[in-house]
């Protein structure tokens, strides 16, 4: 089995509609996507005023390692 591209706790960036967001990998779901794509569960804040995090499951090819850490309020 190929090595995971991301690990639990890694910060990643991804696009949600027209917005670029940053989140944290919470779980490697494995190669369960279409054609065996590796999926990750990501937790993120939709905006700076959010009090509870949202979650989304995305394939590795839609994620990038976060280069700049955005401070949380």
PDB file of N, CA and C in Angstrom:
ATOM      1  N   UNK A   1       0.850  -1.181   0.000  1.00  0.00           N
ATOM      2  CA  UNK A   1       0.000   0.000   0.000  1.00  0.00           C
ATOM      3  C   UNK A   1       0.892   1.239   0.000  1.00  0.00           C
ATOM      4  N   UNK A   2       0.602   2.241  -0.863  1.00  0.00           N
ATOM      5  CA  UNK A   2       1.430   3.439  -0.929  1.00  0.00           C
ATOM      6  C   UNK A   2       1.348   4.246   0.364  1.00  0.00           C
ATOM      7  N   UNK A   3       2.438   4.944   0.661  1.00  0.00           N
ATOM      8  CA  UNK A   3       2.508   5.770   1.862  1.00  0.00           C
ATOM      9  C   UNK A   3       1.562   6.960   1.734  1.00  0.00           C
ATOM     10  N   UNK A   4       0.948   7.341   2.851  1.00  0.00           N
ATOM     11  CA  UNK A   4       0.051   8.492   2.869  1.00  0.00           C
ATOM     12  C   UNK A   4       0.823   9.767   2.568  1.00  0.00           C
ATOM     13  N   UNK A   5       0.202  10.642   1.804  1.00  0.00           N
ATOM     14  CA  UNK A   5       0.818  11.924   1.472  1.00  0.00           C
ATOM     15  C   UNK A   5       0.766  12.867   2.670  1.00  0.00           C
ATOM     16  N   UNK A   6      -0.293  12.779   3.452  1.00  0.00           N
ATOM     17  CA  UNK A   6      -0.482  13.631   4.618  1.00  0.00           C
ATOM     18  C   UNK A   6      -0.679  12.756   5.853  1.00  0.00           C
ATOM     19  N   UNK A   7      -0.362  13.329   7.007  1.00  0.00           N
ATOM     20  CA  UNK A   7      -0.516  12.632   8.277  1.00  0.00           C
ATOM     21  C   UNK A   7      -1.513  13.379   9.161  1.00  0.00           C
ATOM     22  N   UNK A   8      -2.102  12.679  10.120  1.00  0.00           N
ATOM     23  CA  UNK A   8      -3.010  13.302  11.074  1.00  0.00           C
ATOM     24  C   UNK A   8      -2.289  14.468  11.745  1.00  0.00           C
ATOM     25  N   UNK A   9      -2.960  15.624  11.791  1.00  0.00           N
ATOM     26  CA  UNK A   9      -2.379  16.825  12.391  1.00  0.00           C
ATOM     27  C   UNK A   9      -1.746  17.779  11.394  1.00  0.00           C
ATOM     28  N   UNK A  10      -1.501  17.327  10.159  1.00  0.00           N
ATOM     29  CA  UNK A  10      -0.926  18.208   9.134  1.00  0.00           C
ATOM     30  C   UNK A  10      -1.912  19.318   8.790  1.00  0.00           C
ATOM     31  N   UNK A  11      -1.393  20.509   8.541  1.00  0.00           N
ATOM     32  CA  UNK A  11      -2.215  21.625   8.071  1.00  0.00           C
ATOM     33  C   UNK A  11      -2.191  21.632   6.546  1.00  0.00           C
ATOM     34  N   UNK A  12      -3.372  21.790   5.959  1.00  0.00           N
ATOM     35  CA  UNK A  12      -3.506  21.780   4.507  1.00  0.00           C
ATOM     36  C   UNK A  12      -4.379  22.942   4.059  1.00  0.00           C
ATOM     37  N   UNK A  13      -4.243  23.301   2.796  1.00  0.00           N
ATOM     38  CA  UNK A  13      -5.139  24.282   2.184  1.00  0.00           C
ATOM     39  C   UNK A  13      -5.936  23.565   1.107  1.00  0.00           C
ATOM     40  N   UNK A  14      -7.151  24.061   0.887  1.00  0.00           N
ATOM     41  CA  UNK A  14      -8.032  23.487  -0.129  1.00  0.00           C
ATOM     42  C   UNK A  14      -9.014  24.550  -0.574  1.00  0.00           C
ATOM     43  N   UNK A  15      -9.672  24.310  -1.689  1.00  0.00           N
ATOM     44  CA  UNK A  15     -10.658  25.256  -2.214  1.00  0.00           C
ATOM     45  C   UNK A  15     -12.052  24.736  -1.925  1.00  0.00           C
ATOM     46  N   UNK A  16     -12.898  25.642  -1.474  1.00  0.00           N
ATOM     47  CA  UNK A  16     -14.315  25.358  -1.255  1.00  0.00           C
ATOM     48  C   UNK A  16     -15.057  26.434  -2.031  1.00  0.00           C
ATOM     49  N   UNK A  17     -15.652  26.066  -3.125  1.00  0.00           N
ATOM     50  CA  UNK A  17     -16.222  26.977  -4.123  1.00  0.00           C
ATOM     51  C   UNK A  17     -15.122  27.936  -4.567  1.00  0.00           C
ATOM     52  N   UNK A  18     -15.244  29.227  -4.269  1.00  0.00           N
ATOM     53  CA  UNK A  18     -14.242  30.195  -4.724  1.00  0.00           C
ATOM     54  C   UNK A  18     -13.257  30.585  -3.622  1.00  0.00           C
ATOM     55  N   UNK A  19     -13.414  29.996  -2.452  1.00  0.00           N
ATOM     56  CA  UNK A  19     -12.572  30.367  -1.315  1.00  0.00           C
ATOM     57  C   UNK A  19     -11.458  29.364  -1.077  1.00  0.00           C
ATOM     58  N   UNK A  20     -10.292  29.877  -0.706  1.00  0.00           N
ATOM     59  CA  UNK A  20      -9.190  29.029  -0.262  1.00  0.00           C
ATOM     60  C   UNK A  20      -9.256  28.975   1.258  1.00  0.00           C
ATOM     61  N   UNK A  21      -9.287  27.769   1.803  1.00  0.00           N
ATOM     62  CA  UNK A  21      -9.395  27.590   3.249  1.00  0.00           C
ATOM     63  C   UNK A  21      -8.236  26.746   3.757  1.00  0.00           C
ATOM     64  N   UNK A  22      -8.004  26.844   5.061  1.00  0.00           N
ATOM     65  CA  UNK A  22      -6.971  26.051   5.696  1.00  0.00           C
ATOM     66  C   UNK A  22      -7.618  25.163   6.748  1.00  0.00           C
ATOM     67  N   UNK A  23      -7.154  23.937   6.850  1.00  0.00           N
ATOM     68  CA  UNK A  23      -7.696  23.028   7.837  1.00  0.00           C
ATOM     69  C   UNK A  23      -6.641  22.052   8.321  1.00  0.00           C
ATOM     70  N   UNK A  24      -7.065  21.189   9.227  1.00  0.00           N
ATOM     71  CA  UNK A  24      -6.171  20.190   9.815  1.00  0.00           C
ATOM     72  C   UNK A  24      -6.661  18.794   9.456  1.00  0.00           C
ATOM     73  N   UNK A  25      -5.732  17.941   9.045  1.00  0.00           N
ATOM     74  CA  UNK A  25      -6.073  16.545   8.759  1.00  0.00           C
ATOM     75  C   UNK A  25      -6.448  15.879  10.081  1.00  0.00           C
ATOM     76  N   UNK A  26      -7.646  15.321  10.129  1.00  0.00           N
ATOM     77  CA  UNK A  26      -8.114  14.624  11.326  1.00  0.00           C
ATOM     78  C   UNK A  26      -8.041  13.113  11.159  1.00  0.00           C
ATOM     79  N   UNK A  27      -8.142  12.637   9.903  1.00  0.00           N
ATOM     80  CA  UNK A  27      -8.135  11.195   9.680  1.00  0.00           C
ATOM     81  C   UNK A  27      -7.760  10.883   8.236  1.00  0.00           C
ATOM     82  N   UNK A  28      -6.934   9.866   8.061  1.00  0.00           N
ATOM     83  CA  UNK A  28      -6.641   9.325   6.742  1.00  0.00           C
ATOM     84  C   UNK A  28      -7.666   8.222   6.518  1.00  0.00           C
ATOM     85  N   UNK A  29      -8.596   8.434   5.611  1.00  0.00           N
ATOM     86  CA  UNK A  29      -9.693   7.479   5.385  1.00  0.00           C
ATOM     87  C   UNK A  29      -9.274   6.338   4.468  1.00  0.00           C
ATOM     88  N   UNK A  30      -8.100   6.461   3.842  1.00  0.00           N
ATOM     89  CA  UNK A  30      -7.602   5.388   2.998  1.00  0.00           C
ATOM     90  C   UNK A  30      -8.027   5.546   1.545  1.00  0.00           C
ATOM     91  N   UNK A  31      -7.685   4.561   0.723  1.00  0.00           N
ATOM     92  CA  UNK A  31      -7.972   4.627  -0.713  1.00  0.00           C
ATOM     93  C   UNK A  31      -9.410   4.181  -1.029  1.00  0.00           C
ATOM     94  N   UNK A  32     -10.374   4.918  -0.510  1.00  0.00           N
ATOM     95  CA  UNK A  32     -11.782   4.530  -0.667  1.00  0.00           C
ATOM     96  C   UNK A  32     -12.541   5.419  -1.648  1.00  0.00           C
ATOM     97  N   UNK A  33     -11.841   6.363  -2.267  1.00  0.00           N
ATOM     98  CA  UNK A  33     -12.490   7.261  -3.216  1.00  0.00           C
ATOM     99  C   UNK A  33     -12.626   6.621  -4.590  1.00  0.00           C
ATOM    100  N   UNK A  34     -13.173   7.374  -5.511  1.00  0.00           N
ATOM    101  CA  UNK A  34     -13.331   6.917  -6.889  1.00  0.00           C
ATOM    102  C   UNK A  34     -11.966   6.504  -7.441  1.00  0.00           C
ATOM    103  N   UNK A  35     -11.911   5.333  -8.058  1.00  0.00           N
ATOM    104  CA  UNK A  35     -10.663   4.783  -8.619  1.00  0.00           C
ATOM    105  C   UNK A  35      -9.556   4.657  -7.577  1.00  0.00           C
ATOM    106  N   UNK A  36      -9.927   4.450  -6.318  1.00  0.00           N
ATOM    107  CA  UNK A  36      -8.946   4.234  -5.263  1.00  0.00           C
ATOM    108  C   UNK A  36      -8.248   5.479  -4.759  1.00  0.00           C
ATOM    109  N   UNK A  37      -8.836   6.648  -5.039  1.00  0.00           N
ATOM    110  CA  UNK A  37      -8.210   7.888  -4.536  1.00  0.00           C
ATOM    111  C   UNK A  37      -8.226   7.884  -3.013  1.00  0.00           C
ATOM    112  N   UNK A  38      -7.117   8.343  -2.403  1.00  0.00           N
ATOM    113  CA  UNK A  38      -6.997   8.407  -0.951  1.00  0.00           C
ATOM    114  C   UNK A  38      -7.765   9.623  -0.439  1.00  0.00           C
ATOM    115  N   UNK A  39      -8.660   9.393   0.518  1.00  0.00           N
ATOM    116  CA  UNK A  39      -9.470  10.463   1.086  1.00  0.00           C
ATOM    117  C   UNK A  39      -8.986  10.819   2.485  1.00  0.00           C
ATOM    118  N   UNK A  40      -9.141  12.098   2.827  1.00  0.00           N
ATOM    119  CA  UNK A  40      -8.776  12.615   4.146  1.00  0.00           C
ATOM    120  C   UNK A  40      -9.953  13.375   4.729  1.00  0.00           C
ATOM    121  N   UNK A  41     -10.124  13.258   6.048  1.00  0.00           N
ATOM    122  CA  UNK A  41     -11.116  14.048   6.768  1.00  0.00           C
ATOM    123  C   UNK A  41     -10.403  15.290   7.268  1.00  0.00           C
ATOM    124  N   UNK A  42     -10.922  16.469   6.901  1.00  0.00           N
ATOM    125  CA  UNK A  42     -10.310  17.746   7.266  1.00  0.00           C
ATOM    126  C   UNK A  42     -11.275  18.533   8.132  1.00  0.00           C
ATOM    127  N   UNK A  43     -10.756  19.100   9.205  1.00  0.00           N
ATOM    128  CA  UNK A  43     -11.546  19.973  10.079  1.00  0.00           C
ATOM    129  C   UNK A  43     -11.069  21.403   9.855  1.00  0.00           C
ATOM    130  N   UNK A  44     -12.028  22.334   9.721  1.00  0.00           N
ATOM    131  CA  UNK A  44     -11.669  23.720   9.417  1.00  0.00           C
ATOM    132  C   UNK A  44     -12.721  24.668   9.979  1.00  0.00           C
ATOM    133  N   UNK A  45     -12.356  25.938  10.100  1.00  0.00           N
ATOM    134  CA  UNK A  45     -13.302  26.991  10.468  1.00  0.00           C
ATOM    135  C   UNK A  45     -13.725  27.686   9.189  1.00  0.00           C
ATOM    136  N   UNK A  46     -15.022  27.811   8.996  1.00  0.00           N
ATOM    137  CA  UNK A  46     -15.546  28.410   7.776  1.00  0.00           C
ATOM    138  C   UNK A  46     -15.170  29.885   7.665  1.00  0.00           C
ATOM    139  N   UNK A  47     -15.142  30.573   8.792  1.00  0.00           N
ATOM    140  CA  UNK A  47     -14.680  31.964   8.822  1.00  0.00           C
ATOM    141  C   UNK A  47     -14.137  32.263  10.215  1.00  0.00           C
ATOM    142  N   UNK A  48     -13.556  33.451  10.386  1.00  0.00           N
ATOM    143  CA  UNK A  48     -12.915  33.803  11.661  1.00  0.00           C
ATOM    144  C   UNK A  48     -13.909  33.906  12.813  1.00  0.00           C
ATOM    145  N   UNK A  49     -15.184  34.116  12.518  1.00  0.00           N
ATOM    146  CA  UNK A  49     -16.194  34.250  13.569  1.00  0.00           C
ATOM    147  C   UNK A  49     -16.803  32.909  13.977  1.00  0.00           C
ATOM    148  N   UNK A  50     -16.451  31.836  13.291  1.00  0.00           N
ATOM    149  CA  UNK A  50     -17.010  30.520  13.598  1.00  0.00           C
ATOM    150  C   UNK A  50     -16.557  30.067  14.985  1.00  0.00           C
ATOM    151  N   UNK A  51     -17.505  29.505  15.725  1.00  0.00           N
ATOM    152  CA  UNK A  51     -17.164  28.983  17.046  1.00  0.00           C
ATOM    153  C   UNK A  51     -17.037  27.466  17.037  1.00  0.00           C
ATOM    154  N   UNK A  52     -17.635  26.823  16.053  1.00  0.00           N
ATOM    155  CA  UNK A  52     -17.501  25.368  15.952  1.00  0.00           C
ATOM    156  C   UNK A  52     -16.931  25.007  14.586  1.00  0.00           C
ATOM    157  N   UNK A  53     -16.028  24.033  14.560  1.00  0.00           N
ATOM    158  CA  UNK A  53     -15.402  23.657  13.290  1.00  0.00           C
ATOM    159  C   UNK A  53     -16.336  22.868  12.393  1.00  0.00           C
ATOM    160  N   UNK A  54     -16.076  22.952  11.108  1.00  0.00           N
ATOM    161  CA  UNK A  54     -16.764  22.148  10.098  1.00  0.00           C
ATOM    162  C   UNK A  54     -15.811  21.049   9.665  1.00  0.00           C
ATOM    163  N   UNK A  55     -16.355  20.012   9.022  1.00  0.00           N
ATOM    164  CA  UNK A  55     -15.528  18.934   8.506  1.00  0.00           C
ATOM    165  C   UNK A  55     -15.900  18.651   7.062  1.00  0.00           C
ATOM    166  N   UNK A  56     -14.896  18.206   6.299  1.00  0.00           N
ATOM    167  CA  UNK A  56     -15.114  17.831   4.908  1.00  0.00           C
ATOM    168  C   UNK A  56     -14.163  16.686   4.584  1.00  0.00           C
ATOM    169  N   UNK A  57     -14.576  15.825   3.686  1.00  0.00           N
ATOM    170  CA  UNK A  57     -13.739  14.723   3.235  1.00  0.00           C
ATOM    171  C   UNK A  57     -13.320  15.019   1.801  1.00  0.00           C
ATOM    172  N   UNK A  58     -11.996  15.056   1.571  1.00  0.00           N
ATOM    173  CA  UNK A  58     -11.476  15.403   0.250  1.00  0.00           C
ATOM    174  C   UNK A  58     -10.354  14.458  -0.147  1.00  0.00           C
ATOM    175  N   UNK A  59     -10.176  14.265  -1.459  1.00  0.00           N
ATOM    176  CA  UNK A  59      -9.060  13.443  -1.932  1.00  0.00           C
ATOM    177  C   UNK A  59      -7.743  14.217  -1.858  1.00  0.00           C
ATOM    178  N   UNK A  60      -6.654  13.466  -1.773  1.00  0.00           N
ATOM    179  CA  UNK A  60      -5.320  14.057  -1.641  1.00  0.00           C
ATOM    180  C   UNK A  60      -4.995  15.030  -2.766  1.00  0.00           C
ATOM    181  N   UNK A  61      -5.482  14.748  -3.988  1.00  0.00           N
ATOM    182  CA  UNK A  61      -5.127  15.613  -5.115  1.00  0.00           C
ATOM    183  C   UNK A  61      -5.808  16.978  -5.065  1.00  0.00           C
ATOM    184  N   UNK A  62      -6.711  17.199  -4.104  1.00  0.00           N
ATOM    185  CA  UNK A  62      -7.334  18.512  -3.934  1.00  0.00           C
ATOM    186  C   UNK A  62      -6.771  19.259  -2.727  1.00  0.00           C
ATOM    187  N   UNK A  63      -5.705  18.718  -2.128  1.00  0.00           N
ATOM    188  CA  UNK A  63      -5.095  19.314  -0.940  1.00  0.00           C
ATOM    189  C   UNK A  63      -3.669  19.735  -1.230  1.00  0.00           C
ATOM    190  N   UNK A  64      -3.228  20.782  -0.509  1.00  0.00           N
ATOM    191  CA  UNK A  64      -1.840  21.230  -0.566  1.00  0.00           C
ATOM    192  C   UNK A  64      -1.364  21.411   0.853  1.00  0.00           C
ATOM    193  N   UNK A  65      -0.113  21.098   1.118  1.00  0.00           N
ATOM    194  CA  UNK A  65       0.457  21.346   2.438  1.00  0.00           C
ATOM    195  C   UNK A  65       0.424  22.852   2.689  1.00  0.00           C
ATOM    196  N   UNK A  66      -0.028  23.236   3.873  1.00  0.00           N
ATOM    197  CA  UNK A  66      -0.103  24.666   4.213  1.00  0.00           C
ATOM    198  C   UNK A  66       1.301  25.195   4.438  1.00  0.00           C
ATOM    199  N   UNK A  67       1.599  26.297   3.805  1.00  0.00           N
ATOM    200  CA  UNK A  67       2.931  26.902   3.940  1.00  0.00           C
ATOM    201  C   UNK A  67       2.927  27.990   5.010  1.00  0.00           C
ATOM    202  N   UNK A  68       1.851  28.734   5.083  1.00  0.00           N
ATOM    203  CA  UNK A  68       1.754  29.812   6.067  1.00  0.00           C
ATOM    204  C   UNK A  68       0.681  29.451   7.071  1.00  0.00           C
ATOM    205  N   UNK A  69       1.028  29.485   8.328  1.00  0.00           N
ATOM    206  CA  UNK A  69       0.067  29.178   9.374  1.00  0.00           C
ATOM    207  C   UNK A  69      -0.686  30.453   9.711  1.00  0.00           C
ATOM    208  N   UNK A  70      -2.004  30.386   9.607  1.00  0.00           N
ATOM    209  CA  UNK A  70      -2.860  31.521   9.915  1.00  0.00           C
ATOM    210  C   UNK A  70      -3.216  31.450  11.379  1.00  0.00           C
ATOM    211  N   UNK A  71      -3.022  32.545  12.109  1.00  0.00           N
ATOM    212  CA  UNK A  71      -3.327  32.526  13.540  1.00  0.00           C
ATOM    213  C   UNK A  71      -4.835  32.476  13.750  1.00  0.00           C
ATOM    214  N   UNK A  72      -5.239  31.725  14.772  1.00  0.00           N
ATOM    215  CA  UNK A  72      -6.656  31.607  15.101  1.00  0.00           C
ATOM    216  C   UNK A  72      -7.007  32.637  16.167  1.00  0.00           C
ATOM    217  N   UNK A  73      -8.213  33.180  16.061  1.00  0.00           N
ATOM    218  CA  UNK A  73      -8.681  34.148  17.057  1.00  0.00           C
ATOM    219  C   UNK A  73      -9.265  33.432  18.228  1.00  0.00           C
TER     220      UNK A  73
END
